[in-house]
Protein backbone atom coordinates (compact mmCIF):
# COMPACT_ATOMS: atom_id res chain seq x y z
CA UNK A 1 -0.09 0.10 0.11
CA UNK A 2 1.11 3.66 -0.70
CA UNK A 3 1.21 6.46 1.62
CA UNK A 4 -1.70 7.93 -0.86
CA UNK A 5 -3.56 4.81 -0.55
CA UNK A 6 -3.49 4.78 3.36
CA UNK A 7 -4.28 8.56 3.23
CA UNK A 8 -7.53 7.59 1.42
CA UNK A 9 -8.44 5.20 4.29
CA UNK A 10 -7.90 7.93 6.59
CA UNK A 11 -9.88 10.25 4.80
CA UNK A 12 -12.95 7.77 4.62
CA UNK A 13 -12.90 7.60 8.38
CA UNK A 14 -12.99 11.25 8.56
CA UNK A 15 -15.84 11.58 6.19
CA UNK A 16 -17.73 8.86 8.34
CA UNK A 17 -17.00 11.18 11.16
CA UNK A 18 -18.13 14.42 9.38
CA UNK A 19 -21.45 12.56 8.61
CA UNK A 20 -22.04 11.09 11.96
CA UNK A 21 -21.61 14.62 13.49
CA UNK A 22 -23.41 16.78 11.01
CA UNK A 23 -26.56 18.49 12.26
CA UNK A 24 -29.52 16.29 12.66
CA UNK A 25 -33.39 17.27 13.07
CA UNK A 26 -34.43 17.60 16.46
CA UNK A 27 -30.76 15.90 17.43
CA UNK A 28 -32.49 12.52 16.26
CA UNK A 29 -29.44 10.51 14.61
CA UNK A 30 -30.97 8.10 11.84
CA UNK A 31 -27.94 8.11 9.61
CA UNK A 32 -26.08 4.72 8.86
CA UNK A 33 -22.71 4.62 7.40
CA UNK A 34 -20.32 1.92 5.72
CA UNK A 35 -16.91 2.19 4.71
CA UNK A 36 -15.88 -0.16 2.24
CA UNK A 37 -12.10 -1.05 1.25
CA UNK A 38 -11.24 -1.40 -2.69
CA UNK A 39 -11.65 -5.44 -1.87
CA UNK A 40 -15.01 -4.87 -0.20
CA UNK A 41 -16.39 -2.96 -3.23
CA UNK A 42 -16.32 -5.94 -5.58
CA UNK A 43 -19.78 -7.20 -4.40
CA UNK A 44 -21.37 -3.73 -4.79
CA UNK A 45 -19.73 -3.12 -8.67
CA UNK A 46 -20.87 -6.72 -9.37
CA UNK A 47 -24.73 -5.73 -8.40
CA UNK A 48 -24.35 -2.35 -10.15
CA UNK A 49 -23.46 -3.86 -13.44
CA UNK A 50 -26.07 -6.36 -13.27
CA UNK A 51 -28.63 -3.88 -12.39
CA UNK A 52 -27.47 -1.58 -15.25
CA UNK A 53 -27.48 -4.57 -17.63
CA UNK A 54 -31.05 -5.36 -16.61
CA UNK A 55 -32.38 -2.21 -16.68
CA UNK A 56 -32.41 0.25 -19.75
CA UNK A 57 -33.21 3.21 -17.87
CA UNK A 58 -30.17 2.46 -15.40
CA UNK A 59 -27.56 1.85 -18.07
CA UNK A 60 -25.39 4.80 -16.23
CA UNK A 61 -25.04 2.25 -13.39
CA UNK A 62 -22.30 0.40 -15.70
CA UNK A 63 -20.32 3.74 -15.89
CA UNK A 64 -20.63 4.43 -12.09
CA UNK A 65 -19.64 0.73 -11.54
CA UNK A 66 -16.54 1.35 -13.35
CA UNK A 67 -15.90 4.49 -11.28
CA UNK A 68 -16.41 2.37 -8.10
CA UNK A 69 -14.00 -0.22 -9.28
CA UNK A 70 -11.39 2.06 -10.28
CA UNK A 71 -11.31 4.06 -6.78
CA UNK A 72 -9.59 3.16 -3.71
CA UNK A 73 -12.60 3.21 -1.19
CA UNK A 74 -16.32 3.94 -0.86
CA UNK A 75 -18.05 5.47 1.83
CA UNK A 76 -21.71 4.87 1.76
CA UNK A 77 -24.22 6.98 3.78
CA UNK A 78 -27.54 6.23 4.43
CA UNK A 79 -30.87 7.07 6.57
CA UNK A 80 -33.49 5.02 8.31
CA UNK A 81 -36.13 7.30 6.58
CA UNK A 82 -39.07 5.58 7.89
CA UNK A 83 -38.28 7.12 11.23
CA UNK A 84 -40.57 10.14 11.82
CA UNK A 85 -39.29 13.41 13.34
CA UNK A 86 -42.51 13.48 15.17
CA UNK A 87 -43.34 17.15 14.31
CA UNK A 88 -46.43 16.63 12.01
CA UNK A 89 -44.70 19.02 9.32
CA UNK A 90 -46.62 17.40 6.54
CA UNK A 91 -43.59 17.46 4.12
CA UNK A 92 -43.80 13.64 3.54
CA UNK A 93 -47.41 13.91 2.20
CA UNK A 94 -49.18 12.80 5.12
CA UNK A 95 -51.07 15.26 7.71
CA UNK A 96 -49.10 13.52 10.87
CA UNK A 97 -46.42 11.61 11.73
CA UNK A 98 -48.67 8.73 12.84
CA UNK A 99 -50.29 8.49 9.33
CA UNK A 100 -46.87 8.71 7.65
CA UNK A 101 -45.63 5.86 10.10
CA UNK A 102 -48.89 3.62 9.13
CA UNK A 103 -48.05 4.13 5.35
CA UNK A 104 -44.62 3.31 6.28
CA UNK A 105 -45.32 0.07 7.71
CA UNK A 106 -47.59 -1.07 4.88
CA UNK A 107 -44.89 -0.05 2.46
CA UNK A 108 -42.35 -2.23 4.38
CA UNK A 109 -44.37 -5.20 3.94
CA UNK A 110 -44.61 -4.79 0.08
CA UNK A 111 -41.81 -5.72 -2.29
CA UNK A 112 -40.85 -2.81 -4.43
CA UNK A 113 -38.74 -2.70 -7.60
CA UNK A 114 -37.67 1.01 -7.15
CA UNK A 115 -34.06 1.76 -6.21
CA UNK A 116 -35.00 3.32 -2.87
CA UNK A 117 -37.99 2.46 -0.40
CA UNK A 118 -40.46 5.21 0.68
CA UNK A 119 -42.50 6.74 2.06
CA UNK A 120 -39.54 8.59 3.62
CA UNK A 121 -39.47 11.26 6.49
CA UNK A 122 -38.76 14.39 4.91
CA UNK A 123 -36.65 15.82 7.85
CA UNK A 124 -34.44 12.47 7.85
CA UNK A 125 -33.95 13.05 3.87
CA UNK A 126 -32.52 16.65 4.75
CA UNK A 127 -30.46 15.00 7.45
CA UNK A 128 -29.09 12.55 4.80
CA UNK A 129 -28.55 15.39 2.52
CA UNK A 130 -26.58 17.48 5.13
CA UNK A 131 -24.57 14.45 6.02
CA UNK A 132 -23.47 13.50 2.71
CA UNK A 133 -22.59 16.84 1.81
CA UNK A 134 -20.36 17.20 5.06
CA UNK A 135 -18.67 14.00 3.99
CA UNK A 136 -17.78 15.35 0.55
CA UNK A 137 -16.71 18.52 1.96
CA UNK A 138 -14.19 16.54 4.23
CA UNK A 139 -12.95 14.61 1.28
CA UNK A 140 -12.61 17.80 -0.71
CA UNK A 141 -10.79 19.39 2.23
CA UNK A 142 -8.15 16.53 1.97
CA UNK A 143 -7.64 16.52 -1.76
CA UNK A 144 -9.27 13.09 -2.32
CA UNK A 145 -11.25 12.84 -5.53
CA UNK A 146 -14.46 11.80 -5.06
CA UNK A 147 -18.20 11.75 -6.54
CA UNK A 148 -21.53 11.49 -4.76
CA UNK A 149 -23.45 8.71 -6.49
CA UNK A 150 -27.27 7.64 -6.32
CA UNK A 151 -26.49 4.65 -8.41
CA UNK A 152 -23.98 3.13 -5.81
CA UNK A 153 -26.20 3.86 -3.02
CA UNK A 154 -29.43 2.68 -3.98
CA UNK A 155 -27.43 -0.83 -4.99
CA UNK A 156 -25.98 -0.56 -1.16
CA UNK A 157 -29.78 -0.46 0.10
CA UNK A 158 -30.80 -3.21 -2.10
CA UNK A 159 -27.94 -5.30 -0.91
CA UNK A 160 -28.40 -4.60 2.86
CA UNK A 161 -25.01 -3.10 3.31
CA UNK A 162 -26.52 -0.40 5.60
CA UNK A 163 -28.95 -2.87 7.41
CA UNK A 164 -32.41 -3.75 6.71
CA UNK A 165 -33.84 -0.33 8.08
CA UNK A 166 -31.79 1.93 5.64
CA UNK A 167 -34.45 3.32 3.02
CA UNK A 168 -32.01 5.47 1.18
CA UNK A 169 -28.51 6.17 0.64
CA UNK A 170 -25.63 7.66 -1.33
CA UNK A 171 -22.09 6.29 -2.04
CA UNK A 172 -18.98 8.61 -2.20
CA UNK A 173 -16.21 6.69 -3.98
CA UNK A 174 -12.65 7.92 -3.26
CA UNK A 175 -9.40 7.89 -5.25
CA UNK A 176 -5.92 9.14 -5.05
CA UNK A 177 -4.32 9.13 -8.50
CA UNK A 178 -2.66 11.78 -10.87
CA UNK A 179 -6.04 12.30 -12.65
CA UNK A 180 -9.40 12.02 -11.13
CA UNK A 181 -11.00 8.80 -12.39
CA UNK A 182 -14.43 10.49 -11.74
CA UNK A 183 -14.21 13.49 -14.10
CA UNK A 184 -14.34 12.35 -17.70
CA UNK A 185 -16.84 9.54 -17.41
CA UNK A 186 -17.74 7.44 -20.22
CA UNK A 187 -21.15 6.78 -20.87
CA UNK A 188 -22.23 3.02 -21.39
CA UNK A 189 -23.18 2.23 -25.45
């Protein structure tokens, strides 16, 4: 392992720390985090390729899988979005958190083919965005090439990499090379 690859592992840990300590609505932490080494990304890459090959609308998963494979590590940050913030804000589409929780329980029982599992508490989704932004900022501060990916995050949810209660996630692959592997990305044919 080179000094740069060791540094990427350190940055991944700092990103996890930044996501964990990011502000949360009502101080309720529903964030889940996984840090994958290059070796641990193989299962994620294979599943992304399979999903991209099977779904025309998601062919870009093939491109993103190549990016994950070219990276040195991957930080995955998700949320247990079916936890209610308890403020009856209505942003989820339901009048009360109790109605939201009832709908979430029904949805939990159904098998769904969508990349994410809803409904989700809007406050928890905002918390997820803040956590992902804090993590990406940490990578940038430490000059680590990175890219926020819906594709890899959704496959991580499907694989259960963040536990059975995670409903939405984003992945942030990391790289330390002379040229950013996430910049000139080639779209699959």
